[in-house]
Amino acid sequence: VVRAKLALAEAAGGREVALVCSGDPGVYAMASITLELAADGSGVEIEIVPGVTASLAAAAAVGAPLGHDFATISLSDLLTPWEAIEARLRAAAAADFALALYNPRSGRRTWQLDAARRILLVHRAPSTPVAVVTDATRVDERVQVTTLAELDPTDAGMATCVLIGASTTRV
């Protein structure tokens, strides 16, 4: 929010501003909040330049786990109550979607990924393939392929996208 407000203030002052974020600005990133804040009638013209989403970058690192229907769910409960996230996880798991989990873990949010794993194990086999991809497409990219039963939440951080396979996903 602070970055978006600063960028809008600079733009309202006549400067050309680029607000840069990782991934796609419209997928769990800066576009939504910037547009929301700009709706106050500031008159600032906004152009959104698409990027590659973390889920697609992570998928490319491991193959084609998102080659059919899939869902993306953010585990951050900063703007969405955990009860809503939990309901979305249950619905997506019951529908047998492959999943891309964004914002799986941070310094303050340490329990959500394990809670999601436990929810998914109600609907998925313990052997379901999982990819933990950190810093996708960057020099320090790290890829770990594991199973839902063996997923270690401490392997994930804010630069990680966790891909959970569907019942048809194979390694």
Protein backbone atom coordinates (compact mmCIF):
# COMPACT_ATOMS: atom_id res chain seq x y z
CA VAL A 1 0.00 0.00 0.00
CA VAL A 2 2.82 2.39 0.87
CA ARG A 3 4.57 1.75 -2.46
CA ALA A 4 1.33 2.24 -4.43
CA LYS A 5 0.51 5.48 -2.60
CA LEU A 6 4.01 6.83 -3.23
CA ALA A 7 3.87 5.92 -6.93
CA LEU A 8 0.45 7.55 -7.33
CA ALA A 9 1.61 10.69 -5.53
CA GLU A 10 4.64 10.96 -7.79
CA ALA A 11 2.48 10.43 -10.88
CA ALA A 12 -0.07 13.00 -9.70
CA GLY A 13 2.87 15.41 -9.38
CA GLY A 14 3.61 15.01 -13.08
CA ARG A 15 6.32 12.37 -13.00
CA GLU A 16 6.35 9.21 -15.09
CA VAL A 17 6.44 6.31 -12.67
CA ALA A 18 7.05 2.59 -13.05
CA LEU A 19 5.83 0.49 -10.16
CA VAL A 20 7.73 -2.78 -10.51
CA CYS A 21 6.81 -6.07 -8.87
CA SER A 22 7.73 -9.68 -9.39
CA GLY A 23 5.51 -11.97 -11.43
CA ASP A 24 2.39 -10.57 -13.02
CA PRO A 25 1.20 -7.28 -11.48
CA GLY A 26 -2.41 -8.44 -11.63
CA VAL A 27 -1.88 -11.75 -9.81
CA TYR A 28 -1.37 -11.19 -6.06
CA ALA A 29 0.75 -8.15 -6.78
CA MET A 30 0.62 -4.36 -7.16
CA ALA A 31 -2.01 -3.71 -9.85
CA SER A 32 -5.09 -4.32 -7.73
CA ILE A 33 -4.12 -2.10 -4.82
CA THR A 34 -2.84 0.63 -7.14
CA LEU A 35 -6.07 0.69 -9.12
CA GLU A 36 -8.09 0.66 -5.91
CA LEU A 37 -6.17 3.63 -4.53
CA ALA A 38 -6.34 5.48 -7.86
CA ALA A 39 -10.14 5.17 -7.92
CA ASP A 40 -10.31 8.24 -5.68
CA GLY A 41 -10.33 10.40 -8.80
CA SER A 42 -6.66 11.37 -8.84
CA GLY A 43 -6.76 11.41 -12.63
CA VAL A 44 -3.56 9.40 -12.89
CA GLU A 45 -3.39 7.27 -16.04
CA ILE A 46 -2.36 3.72 -15.26
CA GLU A 47 -1.00 1.19 -17.73
CA ILE A 48 -0.57 -2.40 -16.59
CA VAL A 49 2.13 -4.37 -18.34
CA PRO A 50 1.60 -8.12 -17.90
CA GLY A 51 4.31 -10.40 -16.64
CA VAL A 52 4.74 -14.11 -16.15
CA THR A 53 2.89 -15.36 -13.10
CA ALA A 54 4.84 -17.26 -10.47
CA SER A 55 2.65 -20.31 -10.97
CA LEU A 56 3.45 -20.50 -14.68
CA ALA A 57 7.15 -19.89 -14.08
CA ALA A 58 7.20 -22.59 -11.40
CA ALA A 59 5.27 -25.00 -13.62
CA ALA A 60 7.78 -24.49 -16.43
CA ALA A 61 10.57 -25.44 -14.04
CA VAL A 62 9.03 -28.87 -13.37
CA GLY A 63 7.06 -29.77 -16.50
CA ALA A 64 3.37 -29.28 -17.06
CA PRO A 65 1.55 -29.73 -13.75
CA LEU A 66 -0.91 -26.99 -14.68
CA GLY A 67 -1.62 -28.41 -18.15
CA HIS A 68 -5.33 -28.77 -17.44
CA ASP A 69 -7.73 -27.02 -15.06
CA PHE A 70 -6.03 -25.57 -11.98
CA ALA A 71 -6.61 -23.05 -9.22
CA THR A 72 -4.40 -20.48 -7.55
CA ILE A 73 -4.88 -19.70 -3.89
CA SER A 74 -2.93 -17.26 -1.75
CA LEU A 75 -2.28 -18.47 1.78
CA SER A 76 -1.81 -14.91 3.02
CA ASP A 77 -4.47 -13.99 5.53
CA LEU A 78 -3.47 -10.33 5.60
CA LEU A 79 -6.37 -9.29 3.35
CA THR A 80 -8.43 -12.50 3.28
CA PRO A 81 -9.69 -14.20 6.44
CA TRP A 82 -8.25 -17.69 7.02
CA GLU A 83 -11.78 -19.14 7.07
CA ALA A 84 -12.26 -18.02 3.44
CA ILE A 85 -8.87 -19.42 2.42
CA GLU A 86 -9.69 -22.72 4.12
CA ALA A 87 -13.05 -22.93 2.30
CA ARG A 88 -11.31 -22.28 -1.03
CA LEU A 89 -8.72 -24.97 -0.32
CA ARG A 90 -11.43 -27.50 0.52
CA ALA A 91 -13.45 -26.65 -2.62
CA ALA A 92 -10.43 -26.79 -4.95
CA ALA A 93 -9.23 -30.04 -3.38
CA ALA A 94 -12.67 -31.64 -3.65
CA ALA A 95 -12.86 -30.56 -7.31
CA ASP A 96 -9.49 -32.26 -7.97
CA PHE A 97 -7.82 -29.13 -9.31
CA ALA A 98 -4.06 -28.93 -9.47
CA LEU A 99 -3.17 -26.06 -7.16
CA ALA A 100 -0.66 -23.26 -7.14
CA LEU A 101 -0.24 -21.89 -3.63
CA TYR A 102 1.05 -18.35 -3.42
CA ASN A 103 2.43 -16.63 -0.30
CA PRO A 104 2.92 -19.98 1.44
CA ARG A 105 5.04 -18.76 4.34
CA SER A 106 6.63 -15.61 5.70
CA GLY A 107 8.49 -14.59 8.82
CA ARG A 108 5.23 -13.93 10.68
CA ARG A 109 2.94 -16.39 8.85
CA THR A 110 4.48 -19.76 9.59
CA TRP A 111 1.55 -22.13 10.08
CA GLN A 112 -0.63 -21.68 6.97
CA LEU A 113 1.21 -24.02 4.59
CA ASP A 114 1.08 -26.92 7.01
CA ALA A 115 -2.61 -26.22 7.67
CA ALA A 116 -3.23 -26.23 3.90
CA ARG A 117 -1.31 -29.50 3.56
CA ARG A 118 -3.48 -31.13 6.23
CA ILE A 119 -6.68 -29.91 4.52
CA LEU A 120 -5.50 -31.24 1.16
CA LEU A 121 -4.59 -34.64 2.63
CA VAL A 122 -8.29 -35.16 3.38
CA HIS A 123 -8.94 -35.13 -0.39
CA ARG A 124 -5.59 -36.19 -1.91
CA ALA A 125 -3.38 -39.23 -1.62
CA PRO A 126 -0.26 -38.76 0.52
CA SER A 127 1.77 -39.63 -2.61
CA THR A 128 0.36 -36.64 -4.55
CA PRO A 129 3.28 -34.87 -6.28
CA VAL A 130 4.26 -31.46 -4.94
CA ALA A 131 6.77 -29.01 -6.38
CA VAL A 132 8.28 -26.35 -4.16
CA VAL A 133 9.78 -23.74 -6.49
CA THR A 134 11.60 -20.75 -5.06
CA ASP A 135 12.84 -17.81 -7.11
CA ALA A 136 11.44 -19.27 -10.35
CA THR A 137 13.37 -18.15 -13.46
CA ARG A 138 15.95 -16.32 -11.34
CA VAL A 139 19.63 -17.18 -11.03
CA ASP A 140 19.08 -18.76 -7.60
CA GLU A 141 16.05 -20.82 -8.67
CA ARG A 142 15.49 -23.83 -6.42
CA VAL A 143 13.19 -26.72 -7.32
CA GLN A 144 12.24 -29.49 -4.95
CA VAL A 145 9.84 -32.27 -5.93
CA THR A 146 8.27 -34.12 -3.03
CA THR A 147 4.89 -35.52 -2.01
CA LEU A 148 2.01 -34.04 -0.11
CA ALA A 149 2.81 -36.27 2.88
CA GLU A 150 6.49 -35.27 2.86
CA LEU A 151 6.03 -31.54 2.16
CA ASP A 152 8.12 -29.58 4.65
CA PRO A 153 6.65 -26.09 5.12
CA THR A 154 10.03 -24.73 6.20
CA ASP A 155 11.26 -25.23 2.62
CA ALA A 156 8.95 -22.40 1.47
CA GLY A 157 9.10 -18.62 1.79
CA MET A 158 7.55 -15.56 0.20
CA ALA A 159 9.45 -16.13 -3.07
CA THR A 160 8.10 -19.70 -3.28
CA CYS A 161 5.23 -21.07 -5.30
CA VAL A 162 4.00 -24.48 -4.16
CA LEU A 163 2.39 -26.62 -6.85
CA ILE A 164 0.13 -29.43 -5.64
CA GLY A 165 -0.81 -32.05 -8.21
CA ALA A 166 -4.27 -33.35 -9.04
CA SER A 167 -5.14 -37.05 -8.91
CA THR A 168 -3.82 -37.44 -12.47
CA THR A 169 -0.50 -35.63 -11.91
CA ARG A 170 2.61 -37.78 -12.37
CA VAL A 171 6.29 -37.13 -11.83
